[in-house]
Amino acid sequence: MPRATALKTKRAFKTNGDSTGATVTVIAAPNTLEDEIRIRAYLLYEQEGRQGGRDEEYWLRAESEILEQYGLRSRE
């Protein structure tokens, strides 16, 4: 998903140093509304199994959710 370039994947480790083998997505705090939408779109992409070709759908869903969250768009 091209719009999610600011996100990174890291290996997760237990506190005793043993590797769990899991990966986590590390996300920096968004600086702009567009950053917040980009991050949400990426999370939708991840949640739905990284299905390619649906980037516009994820972006529009994320945009709608974020704008509604800030009261900038009402529920339709």
C-alpha atoms as a PDB file:
ATOM      1  CA  MET A   1       0.000   0.000   0.000  1.00  0.00           C
ATOM      2  CA  PRO A   2       1.941   3.043  -1.226  1.00  0.00           C
ATOM      3  CA  ARG A   3       0.368   5.598   1.120  1.00  0.00           C
ATOM      4  CA  ALA A   4       1.646   3.765   4.214  1.00  0.00           C
ATOM      5  CA  THR A   5       5.345   4.448   3.771  1.00  0.00           C
ATOM      6  CA  ALA A   6       5.791   5.941   7.257  1.00  0.00           C
ATOM      7  CA  LEU A   7       4.998   2.666   8.999  1.00  0.00           C
ATOM      8  CA  LYS A   8       7.576   0.078  10.020  1.00  0.00           C
ATOM      9  CA  THR A   9       7.342  -3.540  11.096  1.00  0.00           C
ATOM     10  CA  LYS A  10       9.478  -4.754  13.995  1.00  0.00           C
ATOM     11  CA  ARG A  11      10.008  -8.117  15.709  1.00  0.00           C
ATOM     12  CA  ALA A  12       8.328  -8.352  19.126  1.00  0.00           C
ATOM     13  CA  PHE A  13      10.298  -9.634  22.122  1.00  0.00           C
ATOM     14  CA  LYS A  14       9.244 -10.808  25.570  1.00  0.00           C
ATOM     15  CA  THR A  15      10.608  -8.891  28.535  1.00  0.00           C
ATOM     16  CA  ASN A  16      12.988 -11.746  29.389  1.00  0.00           C
ATOM     17  CA  GLY A  17      14.616 -11.371  25.967  1.00  0.00           C
ATOM     18  CA  ASP A  18      13.096 -14.453  24.296  1.00  0.00           C
ATOM     19  CA  SER A  19      11.696 -13.821  20.846  1.00  0.00           C
ATOM     20  CA  THR A  20       7.970 -14.419  20.508  1.00  0.00           C
ATOM     21  CA  GLY A  21       8.251 -14.687  16.746  1.00  0.00           C
ATOM     22  CA  ALA A  22       5.438 -12.161  16.352  1.00  0.00           C
ATOM     23  CA  THR A  23       5.652  -8.908  14.462  1.00  0.00           C
ATOM     24  CA  VAL A  24       4.145  -5.591  15.478  1.00  0.00           C
ATOM     25  CA  THR A  25       3.563  -2.446  13.480  1.00  0.00           C
ATOM     26  CA  VAL A  26       5.291   0.602  14.938  1.00  0.00           C
ATOM     27  CA  ILE A  27       3.514   3.830  14.107  1.00  0.00           C
ATOM     28  CA  ALA A  28       4.828   7.314  14.756  1.00  0.00           C
ATOM     29  CA  ALA A  29       2.354   9.879  16.063  1.00  0.00           C
ATOM     30  CA  PRO A  30       0.579  11.559  13.159  1.00  0.00           C
ATOM     31  CA  ASN A  31       1.535  15.175  12.451  1.00  0.00           C
ATOM     32  CA  THR A  32      -1.375  15.995  10.164  1.00  0.00           C
ATOM     33  CA  LEU A  33      -4.888  14.853   9.427  1.00  0.00           C
ATOM     34  CA  GLU A  34      -3.554  13.234   6.254  1.00  0.00           C
ATOM     35  CA  ASP A  35      -0.992  11.280   8.305  1.00  0.00           C
ATOM     36  CA  GLU A  36      -3.763  10.055  10.591  1.00  0.00           C
ATOM     37  CA  ILE A  37      -5.838   8.946   7.593  1.00  0.00           C
ATOM     38  CA  ARG A  38      -2.792   7.229   6.071  1.00  0.00           C
ATOM     39  CA  ILE A  39      -2.140   5.299   9.282  1.00  0.00           C
ATOM     40  CA  ARG A  40      -5.786   4.233   9.611  1.00  0.00           C
ATOM     41  CA  ALA A  41      -5.862   3.129   5.960  1.00  0.00           C
ATOM     42  CA  TYR A  42      -2.778   1.006   6.557  1.00  0.00           C
ATOM     43  CA  LEU A  43      -4.335  -0.567   9.636  1.00  0.00           C
ATOM     44  CA  LEU A  44      -7.468  -1.422   7.640  1.00  0.00           C
ATOM     45  CA  TYR A  45      -5.217  -2.995   4.989  1.00  0.00           C
ATOM     46  CA  GLU A  46      -3.485  -5.060   7.690  1.00  0.00           C
ATOM     47  CA  GLN A  47      -6.757  -6.091   9.368  1.00  0.00           C
ATOM     48  CA  GLU A  48      -8.178  -7.367   6.102  1.00  0.00           C
ATOM     49  CA  GLY A  49      -5.228  -9.570   5.246  1.00  0.00           C
ATOM     50  CA  ARG A  50      -3.106  -7.212   3.138  1.00  0.00           C
ATOM     51  CA  GLN A  51      -5.319  -7.504   0.082  1.00  0.00           C
ATOM     52  CA  GLY A  52      -3.750  -5.597  -2.786  1.00  0.00           C
ATOM     53  CA  GLY A  53      -5.666  -3.397  -5.191  1.00  0.00           C
ATOM     54  CA  ARG A  54      -7.989  -2.002  -2.531  1.00  0.00           C
ATOM     55  CA  ASP A  55      -5.918   1.016  -1.489  1.00  0.00           C
ATOM     56  CA  GLU A  56      -8.525   3.559  -2.596  1.00  0.00           C
ATOM     57  CA  GLU A  57     -11.243   1.706  -0.650  1.00  0.00           C
ATOM     58  CA  TYR A  58      -9.089   1.647   2.499  1.00  0.00           C
ATOM     59  CA  TRP A  59      -8.200   5.330   2.070  1.00  0.00           C
ATOM     60  CA  LEU A  60     -11.843   6.401   1.671  1.00  0.00           C
ATOM     61  CA  ARG A  61     -12.965   4.310   4.647  1.00  0.00           C
ATOM     62  CA  ALA A  62     -10.154   5.704   6.792  1.00  0.00           C
ATOM     63  CA  GLU A  63     -10.876   9.258   5.679  1.00  0.00           C
ATOM     64  CA  SER A  64     -14.557   8.862   6.547  1.00  0.00           C
ATOM     65  CA  GLU A  65     -13.763   7.407   9.992  1.00  0.00           C
ATOM     66  CA  ILE A  66     -11.203  10.081  10.880  1.00  0.00           C
ATOM     67  CA  LEU A  67     -13.316  13.004   9.666  1.00  0.00           C
ATOM     68  CA  GLU A  68     -16.308  11.656  11.583  1.00  0.00           C
ATOM     69  CA  GLN A  69     -14.143  11.204  14.689  1.00  0.00           C
ATOM     70  CA  TYR A  70     -13.296  14.939  14.605  1.00  0.00           C
ATOM     71  CA  GLY A  71     -16.857  15.963  13.784  1.00  0.00           C
ATOM     72  CA  LEU A  72     -15.872  17.137  10.321  1.00  0.00           C
ATOM     73  CA  ARG A  73     -18.304  14.778   8.593  1.00  0.00           C
ATOM     74  CA  SER A  74     -21.616  13.472   9.819  1.00  0.00           C
ATOM     75  CA  ARG A  75     -22.656   9.824   9.581  1.00  0.00           C
ATOM     76  CA  GLU A  76     -24.595   9.094   6.435  1.00  0.00           C
END
